[in-house]
Structures are given as C-alpha cells and as structure tokens.
Amino acid sequence: MPVISMFYGIIVQLFFFDTDKHNSPHIHVRYAEFTASIDIHTAGILDGDIPLRQLRLVQAWVEIHRDELMADWALAVEGNTPFKIEPLK
C-alpha cells in the first residue's frame, strides 16, 4: 500500500493488484478518520466518505495528475511500485 502523495492532511495510496472490488483505476485517500476510494477517470467517490472540502482538493489533484495516476495504476496492477506524485500546492 504505497503512499504516492500527501497534501493538506490527505494521504493518497495506490494498492497493488487492487482490481477485484472496483474494476476501474482508482486511488485510496485518507483524511483523519475518513477513507474513500476515488475513480481516476471521473474523480468521483467509488466507496467510502470524505469531507467535501477535502474531496474537492483530491478532485483538483486528480485532474492535474491524471496521466501520472494512470501510469502508476498500470505499474501497481502489475505488482510494481508506483512513483510518488507531486502534492497539491
């Protein structure tokens, strides 16, 4: 479960071989006691819950880094370590 980015108290992870439950490219985010799975293509919530303000930050970050996230997704589903991605500034 590598952490690929952290910003504003939000931790972004990309799990290895994580295609069973959601079947679409996604990331996992944690903020305080909240966790959510976020679709890379739509930046929408697939599962879980996160406060709206933090969701908007994650969605902006996904929009900026979608190509990098897709490249990391391809690495992770093959069992390879994804690269770190620049945090939202």
C-alpha atoms as a PDB file:
ATOM      1  CA  MET A   1       0.000   0.000   0.000  1.00  0.00           C
ATOM      2  CA  PRO A   2       2.460   2.661  -1.097  1.00  0.00           C
ATOM      3  CA  VAL A   3       1.730   6.285  -0.318  1.00  0.00           C
ATOM      4  CA  ILE A   4       2.052   8.180  -3.597  1.00  0.00           C
ATOM      5  CA  SER A   5       1.286  11.678  -2.291  1.00  0.00           C
ATOM      6  CA  MET A   6       0.346  13.682   0.802  1.00  0.00           C
ATOM      7  CA  PHE A   7      -1.107  17.186   0.985  1.00  0.00           C
ATOM      8  CA  TYR A   8      -3.227  19.191   3.438  1.00  0.00           C
ATOM      9  CA  GLY A   9      -3.558  16.207   5.778  1.00  0.00           C
ATOM     10  CA  ILE A  10      -4.734  13.922   2.956  1.00  0.00           C
ATOM     11  CA  ILE A  11      -2.852  10.684   2.311  1.00  0.00           C
ATOM     12  CA  VAL A  12      -3.132   9.178  -1.172  1.00  0.00           C
ATOM     13  CA  GLN A  13      -2.380   5.484  -1.664  1.00  0.00           C
ATOM     14  CA  LEU A  14      -2.383   3.115  -4.614  1.00  0.00           C
ATOM     15  CA  PHE A  15      -2.721  -0.554  -3.711  1.00  0.00           C
ATOM     16  CA  PHE A  16      -1.011  -3.400  -5.554  1.00  0.00           C
ATOM     17  CA  PHE A  17      -3.268  -5.743  -7.568  1.00  0.00           C
ATOM     18  CA  ASP A  18      -6.369  -3.746  -6.477  1.00  0.00           C
ATOM     19  CA  THR A  19      -8.715  -4.610  -9.373  1.00  0.00           C
ATOM     20  CA  ASP A  20     -11.163  -7.024  -7.726  1.00  0.00           C
ATOM     21  CA  LYS A  21     -13.566  -4.717  -5.893  1.00  0.00           C
ATOM     22  CA  HIS A  22     -13.925  -1.676  -8.159  1.00  0.00           C
ATOM     23  CA  ASN A  23     -12.589  -2.899 -11.536  1.00  0.00           C
ATOM     24  CA  SER A  24     -11.619   0.623 -12.574  1.00  0.00           C
ATOM     25  CA  PRO A  25      -8.466   2.652 -11.976  1.00  0.00           C
ATOM     26  CA  HIS A  26      -8.761   4.281  -8.565  1.00  0.00           C
ATOM     27  CA  ILE A  27      -6.833   5.619  -5.591  1.00  0.00           C
ATOM     28  CA  HIS A  28      -7.461   5.371  -1.876  1.00  0.00           C
ATOM     29  CA  VAL A  29      -7.471   8.535   0.214  1.00  0.00           C
ATOM     30  CA  ARG A  30      -7.430   9.010   3.959  1.00  0.00           C
ATOM     31  CA  TYR A  31      -8.166  12.155   5.893  1.00  0.00           C
ATOM     32  CA  ALA A  32      -8.457  11.985   9.694  1.00  0.00           C
ATOM     33  CA  GLU A  33     -10.948   9.155  10.360  1.00  0.00           C
ATOM     34  CA  PHE A  34     -12.330   9.244   6.794  1.00  0.00           C
ATOM     35  CA  THR A  35     -11.401   6.931   3.922  1.00  0.00           C
ATOM     36  CA  ALA A  36     -12.598   6.807   0.331  1.00  0.00           C
ATOM     37  CA  SER A  37     -11.818   5.193  -2.998  1.00  0.00           C
ATOM     38  CA  ILE A  38     -11.681   7.737  -5.823  1.00  0.00           C
ATOM     39  CA  ASP A  39     -12.050   6.884  -9.513  1.00  0.00           C
ATOM     40  CA  ILE A  40      -9.106   8.225 -11.536  1.00  0.00           C
ATOM     41  CA  HIS A  41     -11.173   8.867 -14.699  1.00  0.00           C
ATOM     42  CA  THR A  42     -14.061  10.762 -13.083  1.00  0.00           C
ATOM     43  CA  ALA A  43     -12.537  11.821  -9.726  1.00  0.00           C
ATOM     44  CA  GLY A  44     -15.808  10.643  -8.162  1.00  0.00           C
ATOM     45  CA  ILE A  45     -16.183   8.583  -4.987  1.00  0.00           C
ATOM     46  CA  LEU A  46     -16.460   4.841  -5.610  1.00  0.00           C
ATOM     47  CA  ASP A  47     -16.660   3.854  -1.956  1.00  0.00           C
ATOM     48  CA  GLY A  48     -16.335   5.451   1.460  1.00  0.00           C
ATOM     49  CA  ASP A  49     -16.696   9.027   2.611  1.00  0.00           C
ATOM     50  CA  ILE A  50     -14.526  12.118   2.904  1.00  0.00           C
ATOM     51  CA  PRO A  51     -15.480  15.710   3.818  1.00  0.00           C
ATOM     52  CA  LEU A  52     -16.495  17.829   0.817  1.00  0.00           C
ATOM     53  CA  ARG A  53     -13.617  20.297   1.168  1.00  0.00           C
ATOM     54  CA  GLN A  54     -11.020  17.503   1.122  1.00  0.00           C
ATOM     55  CA  LEU A  55     -12.854  15.743  -1.717  1.00  0.00           C
ATOM     56  CA  ARG A  56     -12.621  18.921  -3.808  1.00  0.00           C
ATOM     57  CA  LEU A  57      -8.867  19.097  -3.113  1.00  0.00           C
ATOM     58  CA  VAL A  58      -8.429  15.458  -4.164  1.00  0.00           C
ATOM     59  CA  GLN A  59     -10.520  16.016  -7.287  1.00  0.00           C
ATOM     60  CA  ALA A  60      -8.379  19.013  -8.305  1.00  0.00           C
ATOM     61  CA  TRP A  61      -5.216  16.964  -7.702  1.00  0.00           C
ATOM     62  CA  VAL A  62      -6.579  14.051  -9.785  1.00  0.00           C
ATOM     63  CA  GLU A  63      -7.397  16.441 -12.658  1.00  0.00           C
ATOM     64  CA  ILE A  64      -3.847  17.815 -12.629  1.00  0.00           C
ATOM     65  CA  HIS A  65      -2.123  14.424 -12.332  1.00  0.00           C
ATOM     66  CA  ARG A  66      -4.460  12.060 -14.232  1.00  0.00           C
ATOM     67  CA  ASP A  67      -1.770  10.884 -16.706  1.00  0.00           C
ATOM     68  CA  GLU A  68       0.690  10.173 -13.887  1.00  0.00           C
ATOM     69  CA  LEU A  69      -2.007   8.362 -11.917  1.00  0.00           C
ATOM     70  CA  MET A  70      -2.846   6.147 -14.892  1.00  0.00           C
ATOM     71  CA  ALA A  71       0.844   5.320 -15.339  1.00  0.00           C
ATOM     72  CA  ASP A  72       1.094   4.474 -11.624  1.00  0.00           C
ATOM     73  CA  TRP A  73      -2.090   2.368 -11.864  1.00  0.00           C
ATOM     74  CA  ALA A  74      -0.537   0.329 -14.684  1.00  0.00           C
ATOM     75  CA  LEU A  75       2.564  -0.274 -12.549  1.00  0.00           C
ATOM     76  CA  ALA A  76       0.567  -1.231  -9.441  1.00  0.00           C
ATOM     77  CA  VAL A  77      -1.709  -3.749 -11.151  1.00  0.00           C
ATOM     78  CA  GLU A  78       1.428  -5.493 -12.429  1.00  0.00           C
ATOM     79  CA  GLY A  79       2.780  -5.594  -8.867  1.00  0.00           C
ATOM     80  CA  ASN A  80       5.400  -2.878  -9.407  1.00  0.00           C
ATOM     81  CA  THR A  81       5.982   0.047  -7.084  1.00  0.00           C
ATOM     82  CA  PRO A  82       4.238   3.228  -8.276  1.00  0.00           C
ATOM     83  CA  PHE A  83       6.101   6.523  -8.396  1.00  0.00           C
ATOM     84  CA  LYS A  84       5.481   9.396  -5.995  1.00  0.00           C
ATOM     85  CA  ILE A  85       3.361  12.219  -7.411  1.00  0.00           C
ATOM     86  CA  GLU A  86       3.780  15.896  -6.599  1.00  0.00           C
ATOM     87  CA  PRO A  87       1.352  17.075  -3.886  1.00  0.00           C
ATOM     88  CA  LEU A  88      -1.268  19.769  -4.432  1.00  0.00           C
ATOM     89  CA  LYS A  89       0.164  23.191  -3.676  1.00  0.00           C
END
